[in-house]
Amino acid sequence: MRRLHFDQDIQPLSDFRAGAASFIKQINETRRPIVITQRGKGVAVVIDVSEYETMQEKIELLEEVQKAEAQLSAGLGISNSDARSKILKRIKN
């Protein structure tokens, strides 16, 4: 996801409502999110669908890495050579 341009990407809810189509077009073209504010505070972020999907994939990958690290710390892992042997054995069967 690209970095916010504070002068363009932070919009009051009233402006977003009035020009939703143009803001959606901006999001799709720039791949930058828009932060919507209400009474001067951020209340929502609107992002492109493909950017959202990419973020979700990255989060899932990081969660898997974190889970694997916790398993290794708990002594639940196996050596690389043992894992390789098991995989090769399964492939041959």
PDB file of N, CA and C in Angstrom:
ATOM      1  N   MET A   1       0.846  -1.171   0.000  1.00  0.00           N
ATOM      2  CA  MET A   1       0.000   0.000   0.000  1.00  0.00           C
ATOM      3  C   MET A   1       0.890   1.232   0.000  1.00  0.00           C
ATOM      4  N   ARG A   2       0.505   2.168  -0.775  1.00  0.00           N
ATOM      5  CA  ARG A   2       1.290   3.405  -0.846  1.00  0.00           C
ATOM      6  C   ARG A   2       1.011   4.298   0.344  1.00  0.00           C
ATOM      7  N   ARG A   3       1.961   5.193   0.610  1.00  0.00           N
ATOM      8  CA  ARG A   3       1.835   6.107   1.753  1.00  0.00           C
ATOM      9  C   ARG A   3       0.744   7.140   1.527  1.00  0.00           C
ATOM     10  N   LEU A   4       0.155   7.547   2.612  1.00  0.00           N
ATOM     11  CA  LEU A   4      -0.865   8.597   2.557  1.00  0.00           C
ATOM     12  C   LEU A   4      -0.267   9.926   2.132  1.00  0.00           C
ATOM     13  N   HIS A   5      -1.036  10.684   1.396  1.00  0.00           N
ATOM     14  CA  HIS A   5      -0.731  12.086   1.140  1.00  0.00           C
ATOM     15  C   HIS A   5      -1.735  12.851   2.004  1.00  0.00           C
ATOM     16  N   PHE A   6      -1.253  13.408   3.088  1.00  0.00           N
ATOM     17  CA  PHE A   6      -2.147  13.997   4.076  1.00  0.00           C
ATOM     18  C   PHE A   6      -3.048  15.092   3.499  1.00  0.00           C
ATOM     19  N   ASP A   7      -2.590  15.795   2.491  1.00  0.00           N
ATOM     20  CA  ASP A   7      -3.412  16.858   1.908  1.00  0.00           C
ATOM     21  C   ASP A   7      -4.503  16.324   0.987  1.00  0.00           C
ATOM     22  N   GLN A   8      -4.398  15.063   0.561  1.00  0.00           N
ATOM     23  CA  GLN A   8      -5.368  14.505  -0.375  1.00  0.00           C
ATOM     24  C   GLN A   8      -6.145  13.314   0.190  1.00  0.00           C
ATOM     25  N   ASP A   9      -5.578  12.605   1.133  1.00  0.00           N
ATOM     26  CA  ASP A   9      -6.119  11.311   1.533  1.00  0.00           C
ATOM     27  C   ASP A   9      -6.827  11.298   2.882  1.00  0.00           C
ATOM     28  N   ILE A  10      -6.982  12.435   3.504  1.00  0.00           N
ATOM     29  CA  ILE A  10      -7.753  12.530   4.736  1.00  0.00           C
ATOM     30  C   ILE A  10      -8.932  13.439   4.439  1.00  0.00           C
ATOM     31  N   GLN A  11     -10.122  12.871   4.536  1.00  0.00           N
ATOM     32  CA  GLN A  11     -11.314  13.593   4.111  1.00  0.00           C
ATOM     33  C   GLN A  11     -12.409  13.507   5.172  1.00  0.00           C
ATOM     34  N   PRO A  12     -13.140  14.606   5.368  1.00  0.00           N
ATOM     35  CA  PRO A  12     -14.286  14.554   6.271  1.00  0.00           C
ATOM     36  C   PRO A  12     -15.388  13.674   5.681  1.00  0.00           C
ATOM     37  N   LEU A  13     -16.149  13.051   6.540  1.00  0.00           N
ATOM     38  CA  LEU A  13     -17.239  12.179   6.108  1.00  0.00           C
ATOM     39  C   LEU A  13     -18.199  12.911   5.176  1.00  0.00           C
ATOM     40  N   SER A  14     -18.489  14.156   5.463  1.00  0.00           N
ATOM     41  CA  SER A  14     -19.432  14.916   4.618  1.00  0.00           C
ATOM     42  C   SER A  14     -18.899  15.062   3.196  1.00  0.00           C
ATOM     43  N   ASP A  15     -17.605  15.316   3.041  1.00  0.00           N
ATOM     44  CA  ASP A  15     -17.015  15.422   1.701  1.00  0.00           C
ATOM     45  C   ASP A  15     -17.018  14.065   1.002  1.00  0.00           C
ATOM     46  N   PHE A  16     -16.732  13.008   1.762  1.00  0.00           N
ATOM     47  CA  PHE A  16     -16.724  11.669   1.172  1.00  0.00           C
ATOM     48  C   PHE A  16     -18.123  11.304   0.675  1.00  0.00           C
ATOM     49  N   ARG A  17     -19.127  11.584   1.473  1.00  0.00           N
ATOM     50  CA  ARG A  17     -20.509  11.302   1.059  1.00  0.00           C
ATOM     51  C   ARG A  17     -20.874  12.054  -0.214  1.00  0.00           C
ATOM     52  N   ALA A  18     -20.494  13.309  -0.269  1.00  0.00           N
ATOM     53  CA  ALA A  18     -20.858  14.153  -1.417  1.00  0.00           C
ATOM     54  C   ALA A  18     -20.119  13.741  -2.691  1.00  0.00           C
ATOM     55  N   GLY A  19     -18.907  13.214  -2.558  1.00  0.00           N
ATOM     56  CA  GLY A  19     -18.115  12.870  -3.741  1.00  0.00           C
ATOM     57  C   GLY A  19     -17.595  11.461  -3.726  1.00  0.00           C
ATOM     58  N   ALA A  20     -18.390  10.515  -3.224  1.00  0.00           N
ATOM     59  CA  ALA A  20     -17.933   9.133  -3.056  1.00  0.00           C
ATOM     60  C   ALA A  20     -17.347   8.546  -4.344  1.00  0.00           C
ATOM     61  N   ALA A  21     -18.022   8.750  -5.459  1.00  0.00           N
ATOM     62  CA  ALA A  21     -17.551   8.170  -6.724  1.00  0.00           C
ATOM     63  C   ALA A  21     -16.163   8.680  -7.088  1.00  0.00           C
ATOM     64  N   SER A  22     -15.927   9.965  -6.908  1.00  0.00           N
ATOM     65  CA  SER A  22     -14.609  10.510  -7.266  1.00  0.00           C
ATOM     66  C   SER A  22     -13.529  10.023  -6.290  1.00  0.00           C
ATOM     67  N   PHE A  23     -13.893   9.841  -5.020  1.00  0.00           N
ATOM     68  CA  PHE A  23     -12.913   9.322  -4.068  1.00  0.00           C
ATOM     69  C   PHE A  23     -12.582   7.855  -4.348  1.00  0.00           C
ATOM     70  N   ILE A  24     -13.585   7.072  -4.734  1.00  0.00           N
ATOM     71  CA  ILE A  24     -13.335   5.674  -5.098  1.00  0.00           C
ATOM     72  C   ILE A  24     -12.420   5.614  -6.323  1.00  0.00           C
ATOM     73  N   LYS A  25     -12.667   6.490  -7.284  1.00  0.00           N
ATOM     74  CA  LYS A  25     -11.801   6.553  -8.471  1.00  0.00           C
ATOM     75  C   LYS A  25     -10.369   6.898  -8.055  1.00  0.00           C
ATOM     76  N   GLN A  26     -10.219   7.856  -7.156  1.00  0.00           N
ATOM     77  CA  GLN A  26      -8.892   8.246  -6.664  1.00  0.00           C
ATOM     78  C   GLN A  26      -8.191   7.064  -5.997  1.00  0.00           C
ATOM     79  N   ILE A  27      -8.909   6.315  -5.173  1.00  0.00           N
ATOM     80  CA  ILE A  27      -8.340   5.159  -4.480  1.00  0.00           C
ATOM     81  C   ILE A  27      -7.869   4.122  -5.490  1.00  0.00           C
ATOM     82  N   ASN A  28      -8.693   3.850  -6.503  1.00  0.00           N
ATOM     83  CA  ASN A  28      -8.327   2.861  -7.517  1.00  0.00           C
ATOM     84  C   ASN A  28      -7.128   3.295  -8.351  1.00  0.00           C
ATOM     85  N   GLU A  29      -7.039   4.574  -8.643  1.00  0.00           N
ATOM     86  CA  GLU A  29      -5.936   5.069  -9.476  1.00  0.00           C
ATOM     87  C   GLU A  29      -4.626   5.189  -8.707  1.00  0.00           C
ATOM     88  N   THR A  30      -4.689   5.660  -7.479  1.00  0.00           N
ATOM     89  CA  THR A  30      -3.464   5.930  -6.724  1.00  0.00           C
ATOM     90  C   THR A  30      -3.010   4.758  -5.867  1.00  0.00           C
ATOM     91  N   ARG A  31      -3.937   3.829  -5.584  1.00  0.00           N
ATOM     92  CA  ARG A  31      -3.678   2.688  -4.684  1.00  0.00           C
ATOM     93  C   ARG A  31      -3.363   3.155  -3.259  1.00  0.00           C
ATOM     94  N   ARG A  32      -3.761   4.392  -2.948  1.00  0.00           N
ATOM     95  CA  ARG A  32      -3.594   4.922  -1.591  1.00  0.00           C
ATOM     96  C   ARG A  32      -4.940   4.882  -0.886  1.00  0.00           C
ATOM     97  N   PRO A  33      -4.950   4.594   0.399  1.00  0.00           N
ATOM     98  CA  PRO A  33      -6.210   4.613   1.137  1.00  0.00           C
ATOM     99  C   PRO A  33      -6.671   6.038   1.409  1.00  0.00           C
ATOM    100  N   ILE A  34      -7.923   6.169   1.767  1.00  0.00           N
ATOM    101  CA  ILE A  34      -8.463   7.445   2.222  1.00  0.00           C
ATOM    102  C   ILE A  34      -8.926   7.255   3.660  1.00  0.00           C
ATOM    103  N   VAL A  35      -8.495   8.159   4.523  1.00  0.00           N
ATOM    104  CA  VAL A  35      -8.936   8.160   5.912  1.00  0.00           C
ATOM    105  C   VAL A  35     -10.122   9.102   6.005  1.00  0.00           C
ATOM    106  N   ILE A  36     -11.223   8.587   6.529  1.00  0.00           N
ATOM    107  CA  ILE A  36     -12.427   9.398   6.678  1.00  0.00           C
ATOM    108  C   ILE A  36     -12.508   9.857   8.129  1.00  0.00           C
ATOM    109  N   THR A  37     -12.758  11.147   8.284  1.00  0.00           N
ATOM    110  CA  THR A  37     -12.840  11.718   9.632  1.00  0.00           C
ATOM    111  C   THR A  37     -14.263  12.155   9.935  1.00  0.00           C
ATOM    112  N   GLN A  38     -14.557  12.164  11.221  1.00  0.00           N
ATOM    113  CA  GLN A  38     -15.839  12.675  11.691  1.00  0.00           C
ATOM    114  C   GLN A  38     -15.551  13.476  12.952  1.00  0.00           C
ATOM    115  N   ARG A  39     -15.933  14.718  12.926  1.00  0.00           N
ATOM    116  CA  ARG A  39     -15.640  15.648  14.019  1.00  0.00           C
ATOM    117  C   ARG A  39     -14.139  15.705  14.313  1.00  0.00           C
ATOM    118  N   GLY A  40     -13.346  15.648  13.257  1.00  0.00           N
ATOM    119  CA  GLY A  40     -11.903  15.807  13.378  1.00  0.00           C
ATOM    120  C   GLY A  40     -11.132  14.563  13.772  1.00  0.00           C
ATOM    121  N   LYS A  41     -11.816  13.436  13.941  1.00  0.00           N
ATOM    122  CA  LYS A  41     -11.137  12.194  14.330  1.00  0.00           C
ATOM    123  C   LYS A  41     -11.312  11.144  13.251  1.00  0.00           C
ATOM    124  N   GLY A  42     -10.274  10.349  13.027  1.00  0.00           N
ATOM    125  CA  GLY A  42     -10.345   9.280  12.054  1.00  0.00           C
ATOM    126  C   GLY A  42     -11.344   8.220  12.504  1.00  0.00           C
ATOM    127  N   VAL A  43     -12.265   7.837  11.586  1.00  0.00           N
ATOM    128  CA  VAL A  43     -13.278   6.844  11.930  1.00  0.00           C
ATOM    129  C   VAL A  43     -13.290   5.647  10.977  1.00  0.00           C
ATOM    130  N   ALA A  44     -12.686   5.792   9.802  1.00  0.00           N
ATOM    131  CA  ALA A  44     -12.690   4.694   8.843  1.00  0.00           C
ATOM    132  C   ALA A  44     -11.576   4.892   7.833  1.00  0.00           C
ATOM    133  N   VAL A  45     -11.186   3.775   7.218  1.00  0.00           N
ATOM    134  CA  VAL A  45     -10.200   3.810   6.140  1.00  0.00           C
ATOM    135  C   VAL A  45     -10.806   3.056   4.962  1.00  0.00           C
ATOM    136  N   VAL A  46     -10.776   3.663   3.788  1.00  0.00           N
ATOM    137  CA  VAL A  46     -11.281   3.029   2.574  1.00  0.00           C
ATOM    138  C   VAL A  46     -10.075   2.719   1.699  1.00  0.00           C
ATOM    139  N   ILE A  47      -9.942   1.431   1.335  1.00  0.00           N
ATOM    140  CA  ILE A  47      -8.808   1.028   0.500  1.00  0.00           C
ATOM    141  C   ILE A  47      -9.288   0.203  -0.688  1.00  0.00           C
ATOM    142  N   ASP A  48      -8.459   0.119  -1.691  1.00  0.00           N
ATOM    143  CA  ASP A  48      -8.705  -0.672  -2.882  1.00  0.00           C
ATOM    144  C   ASP A  48      -8.807  -2.153  -2.495  1.00  0.00           C
ATOM    145  N   VAL A  49      -9.684  -2.890  -3.153  1.00  0.00           N
ATOM    146  CA  VAL A  49      -9.903  -4.297  -2.822  1.00  0.00           C
ATOM    147  C   VAL A  49      -8.626  -5.111  -2.975  1.00  0.00           C
ATOM    148  N   SER A  50      -7.881  -4.915  -4.041  1.00  0.00           N
ATOM    149  CA  SER A  50      -6.661  -5.712  -4.231  1.00  0.00           C
ATOM    150  C   SER A  50      -5.621  -5.384  -3.158  1.00  0.00           C
ATOM    151  N   GLU A  51      -5.568  -4.134  -2.733  1.00  0.00           N
ATOM    152  CA  GLU A  51      -4.657  -3.765  -1.641  1.00  0.00           C
ATOM    153  C   GLU A  51      -5.080  -4.455  -0.348  1.00  0.00           C
ATOM    154  N   TYR A  52      -6.393  -4.510  -0.098  1.00  0.00           N
ATOM    155  CA  TYR A  52      -6.909  -5.185   1.088  1.00  0.00           C
ATOM    156  C   TYR A  52      -6.562  -6.673   1.058  1.00  0.00           C
ATOM    157  N   GLU A  53      -6.768  -7.307  -0.085  1.00  0.00           N
ATOM    158  CA  GLU A  53      -6.453  -8.732  -0.221  1.00  0.00           C
ATOM    159  C   GLU A  53      -4.966  -8.991   0.012  1.00  0.00           C
ATOM    160  N   THR A  54      -4.115  -8.126  -0.517  1.00  0.00           N
ATOM    161  CA  THR A  54      -2.678  -8.259  -0.307  1.00  0.00           C
ATOM    162  C   THR A  54      -2.331  -8.133   1.170  1.00  0.00           C
ATOM    163  N   MET A  55      -2.954  -7.178   1.844  1.00  0.00           N
ATOM    164  CA  MET A  55      -2.720  -7.010   3.284  1.00  0.00           C
ATOM    165  C   MET A  55      -3.145  -8.257   4.050  1.00  0.00           C
ATOM    166  N   GLN A  56      -4.288  -8.831   3.694  1.00  0.00           N
ATOM    167  CA  GLN A  56      -4.773 -10.028   4.376  1.00  0.00           C
ATOM    168  C   GLN A  56      -3.812 -11.201   4.177  1.00  0.00           C
ATOM    169  N   GLU A  57      -3.301 -11.363   2.965  1.00  0.00           N
ATOM    170  CA  GLU A  57      -2.342 -12.436   2.686  1.00  0.00           C
ATOM    171  C   GLU A  57      -1.076 -12.266   3.523  1.00  0.00           C
ATOM    172  N   LYS A  58      -0.604 -11.037   3.635  1.00  0.00           N
ATOM    173  CA  LYS A  58       0.590 -10.779   4.437  1.00  0.00           C
ATOM    174  C   LYS A  58       0.340 -11.071   5.910  1.00  0.00           C
ATOM    175  N   ILE A  59      -0.824 -10.687   6.393  1.00  0.00           N
ATOM    176  CA  ILE A  59      -1.164 -10.951   7.796  1.00  0.00           C
ATOM    177  C   ILE A  59      -1.218 -12.451   8.048  1.00  0.00           C
ATOM    178  N   GLU A  60      -1.849 -13.198   7.146  1.00  0.00           N
ATOM    179  CA  GLU A  60      -1.932 -14.653   7.299  1.00  0.00           C
ATOM    180  C   GLU A  60      -0.543 -15.277   7.308  1.00  0.00           C
ATOM    181  N   LEU A  61       0.336 -14.818   6.426  1.00  0.00           N
ATOM    182  CA  LEU A  61       1.694 -15.337   6.383  1.00  0.00           C
ATOM    183  C   LEU A  61       2.434 -15.039   7.685  1.00  0.00           C
ATOM    184  N   LEU A  62       2.315 -13.823   8.174  1.00  0.00           N
ATOM    185  CA  LEU A  62       2.970 -13.462   9.429  1.00  0.00           C
ATOM    186  C   LEU A  62       2.433 -14.276  10.601  1.00  0.00           C
ATOM    187  N   GLU A  63       1.119 -14.556  10.602  1.00  0.00           N
ATOM    188  CA  GLU A  63       0.541 -15.389  11.650  1.00  0.00           C
ATOM    189  C   GLU A  63       1.103 -16.806  11.601  1.00  0.00           C
ATOM    190  N   GLU A  64       1.275 -17.343  10.401  1.00  0.00           N
ATOM    191  CA  GLU A  64       1.849 -18.680  10.243  1.00  0.00           C
ATOM    192  C   GLU A  64       3.300 -18.712  10.723  1.00  0.00           C
ATOM    193  N   VAL A  65       4.062 -17.683  10.396  1.00  0.00           N
ATOM    194  CA  VAL A  65       5.455 -17.600  10.842  1.00  0.00           C
ATOM    195  C   VAL A  65       5.511 -17.532  12.367  1.00  0.00           C
ATOM    196  N   GLN A  66       4.634 -16.708  12.935  1.00  0.00           N
ATOM    197  CA  GLN A  66       4.583 -16.573  14.394  1.00  0.00           C
ATOM    198  C   GLN A  66       4.215 -17.909  15.049  1.00  0.00           C
ATOM    199  N   LYS A  67       3.273 -18.609  14.473  1.00  0.00           N
ATOM    200  CA  LYS A  67       2.869 -19.918  14.998  1.00  0.00           C
ATOM    201  C   LYS A  67       4.036 -20.912  14.908  1.00  0.00           C
ATOM    202  N   ALA A  68       4.735 -20.906  13.783  1.00  0.00           N
ATOM    203  CA  ALA A  68       5.871 -21.808  13.602  1.00  0.00           C
ATOM    204  C   ALA A  68       6.983 -21.500  14.603  1.00  0.00           C
ATOM    205  N   GLU A  69       7.245 -20.209  14.826  1.00  0.00           N
ATOM    206  CA  GLU A  69       8.273 -19.832  15.804  1.00  0.00           C
ATOM    207  C   GLU A  69       7.890 -20.290  17.209  1.00  0.00           C
ATOM    208  N   ALA A  70       6.610 -20.180  17.550  1.00  0.00           N
ATOM    209  CA  ALA A  70       6.143 -20.635  18.871  1.00  0.00           C
ATOM    210  C   ALA A  70       6.288 -22.142  18.994  1.00  0.00           C
ATOM    211  N   GLN A  71       5.990 -22.862  17.928  1.00  0.00           N
ATOM    212  CA  GLN A  71       6.137 -24.319  17.954  1.00  0.00           C
ATOM    213  C   GLN A  71       7.605 -24.714  18.105  1.00  0.00           C
ATOM    214  N   LEU A  72       8.483 -24.026  17.390  1.00  0.00           N
ATOM    215  CA  LEU A  72       9.916 -24.317  17.507  1.00  0.00           C
ATOM    216  C   LEU A  72      10.410 -24.023  18.916  1.00  0.00           C
ATOM    217  N   SER A  73       9.962 -22.929  19.491  1.00  0.00           N
ATOM    218  CA  SER A  73      10.367 -22.567  20.855  1.00  0.00           C
ATOM    219  C   SER A  73       9.887 -23.603  21.868  1.00  0.00           C
ATOM    220  N   ALA A  74       8.760 -24.242  21.570  1.00  0.00           N
ATOM    221  CA  ALA A  74       8.212 -25.256  22.469  1.00  0.00           C
ATOM    222  C   ALA A  74       8.811 -26.638  22.206  1.00  0.00           C
ATOM    223  N   GLY A  75       9.783 -26.694  21.296  1.00  0.00           N
ATOM    224  CA  GLY A  75      10.443 -27.966  21.006  1.00  0.00           C
ATOM    225  C   GLY A  75       9.640 -28.891  20.114  1.00  0.00           C
ATOM    226  N   LEU A  76       8.695 -28.346  19.370  1.00  0.00           N
ATOM    227  CA  LEU A  76       7.832 -29.172  18.528  1.00  0.00           C
ATOM    228  C   LEU A  76       8.330 -29.291  17.088  1.00  0.00           C
ATOM    229  N   GLY A  77       9.439 -28.699  16.792  1.00  0.00           N
ATOM    230  CA  GLY A  77       9.949 -28.728  15.431  1.00  0.00           C
ATOM    231  C   GLY A  77      10.806 -29.946  15.162  1.00  0.00           C
ATOM    232  N   ILE A  78      11.104 -30.170  13.888  1.00  0.00           N
ATOM    233  CA  ILE A  78      12.041 -31.226  13.488  1.00  0.00           C
ATOM    234  C   ILE A  78      13.123 -30.592  12.633  1.00  0.00           C
ATOM    235  N   SER A  79      14.225 -31.297  12.518  1.00  0.00           N
ATOM    236  CA  SER A  79      15.348 -30.756  11.751  1.00  0.00           C
ATOM    237  C   SER A  79      14.998 -30.694  10.265  1.00  0.00           C
ATOM    238  N   ASN A  80      15.715 -29.879   9.548  1.00  0.00           N
ATOM    239  CA  ASN A  80      15.511 -29.727   8.112  1.00  0.00           C
ATOM    240  C   ASN A  80      15.733 -31.064   7.400  1.00  0.00           C
ATOM    241  N   SER A  81      16.769 -31.768   7.777  1.00  0.00           N
ATOM    242  CA  SER A  81      17.052 -33.052   7.103  1.00  0.00           C
ATOM    243  C   SER A  81      15.954 -34.073   7.373  1.00  0.00           C
ATOM    244  N   ASP A  82      15.403 -34.103   8.597  1.00  0.00           N
ATOM    245  CA  ASP A  82      14.298 -35.020   8.893  1.00  0.00           C
ATOM    246  C   ASP A  82      13.055 -34.644   8.086  1.00  0.00           C
ATOM    247  N   ALA A  83      12.772 -33.367   8.007  1.00  0.00           N
ATOM    248  CA  ALA A  83      11.611 -32.908   7.239  1.00  0.00           C
ATOM    249  C   ALA A  83      11.769 -33.260   5.767  1.00  0.00           C
ATOM    250  N   ARG A  84      12.961 -33.055   5.250  1.00  0.00           N
ATOM    251  CA  ARG A  84      13.234 -33.368   3.837  1.00  0.00           C
ATOM    252  C   ARG A  84      13.050 -34.854   3.570  1.00  0.00           C
ATOM    253  N   SER A  85      13.563 -35.668   4.462  1.00  0.00           N
ATOM    254  CA  SER A  85      13.425 -37.121   4.312  1.00  0.00           C
ATOM    255  C   SER A  85      11.965 -37.541   4.307  1.00  0.00           C
ATOM    256  N   LYS A  86      11.180 -37.012   5.239  1.00  0.00           N
ATOM    257  CA  LYS A  86       9.763 -37.356   5.306  1.00  0.00           C
ATOM    258  C   LYS A  86       9.024 -36.935   4.041  1.00  0.00           C
ATOM    259  N   ILE A  87       9.316 -35.751   3.534  1.00  0.00           N
ATOM    260  CA  ILE A  87       8.657 -35.256   2.330  1.00  0.00           C
ATOM    261  C   ILE A  87       9.037 -36.117   1.127  1.00  0.00           C
ATOM    262  N   LEU A  88      10.317 -36.430   0.993  1.00  0.00           N
ATOM    263  CA  LEU A  88      10.759 -37.264  -0.132  1.00  0.00           C
ATOM    264  C   LEU A  88      10.142 -38.657  -0.055  1.00  0.00           C
ATOM    265  N   LYS A  89      10.008 -39.176   1.136  1.00  0.00           N
ATOM    266  CA  LYS A  89       9.402 -40.487   1.319  1.00  0.00           C
ATOM    267  C   LYS A  89       7.933 -40.463   0.867  1.00  0.00           C
ATOM    268  N   ARG A  90       7.216 -39.402   1.218  1.00  0.00           N
ATOM    269  CA  ARG A  90       5.808 -39.269   0.808  1.00  0.00           C
ATOM    270  C   ARG A  90       5.676 -39.108  -0.694  1.00  0.00           C
ATOM    271  N   ILE A  91       6.589 -38.380  -1.296  1.00  0.00           N
ATOM    272  CA  ILE A  91       6.533 -38.163  -2.745  1.00  0.00           C
ATOM    273  C   ILE A  91       6.745 -39.467  -3.506  1.00  0.00           C
ATOM    274  N   LYS A  92       7.640 -40.291  -2.995  1.00  0.00           N
ATOM    275  CA  LYS A  92       7.966 -41.554  -3.680  1.00  0.00           C
ATOM    276  C   LYS A  92       6.845 -42.577  -3.562  1.00  0.00           C
ATOM    277  N   ASN A  93       5.997 -42.473  -2.549  1.00  0.00           N
ATOM    278  CA  ASN A  93       4.910 -43.447  -2.356  1.00  0.00           C
ATOM    279  C   ASN A  93       3.727 -43.134  -3.178  1.00  0.00           C
TER     280      ASN A  93
END
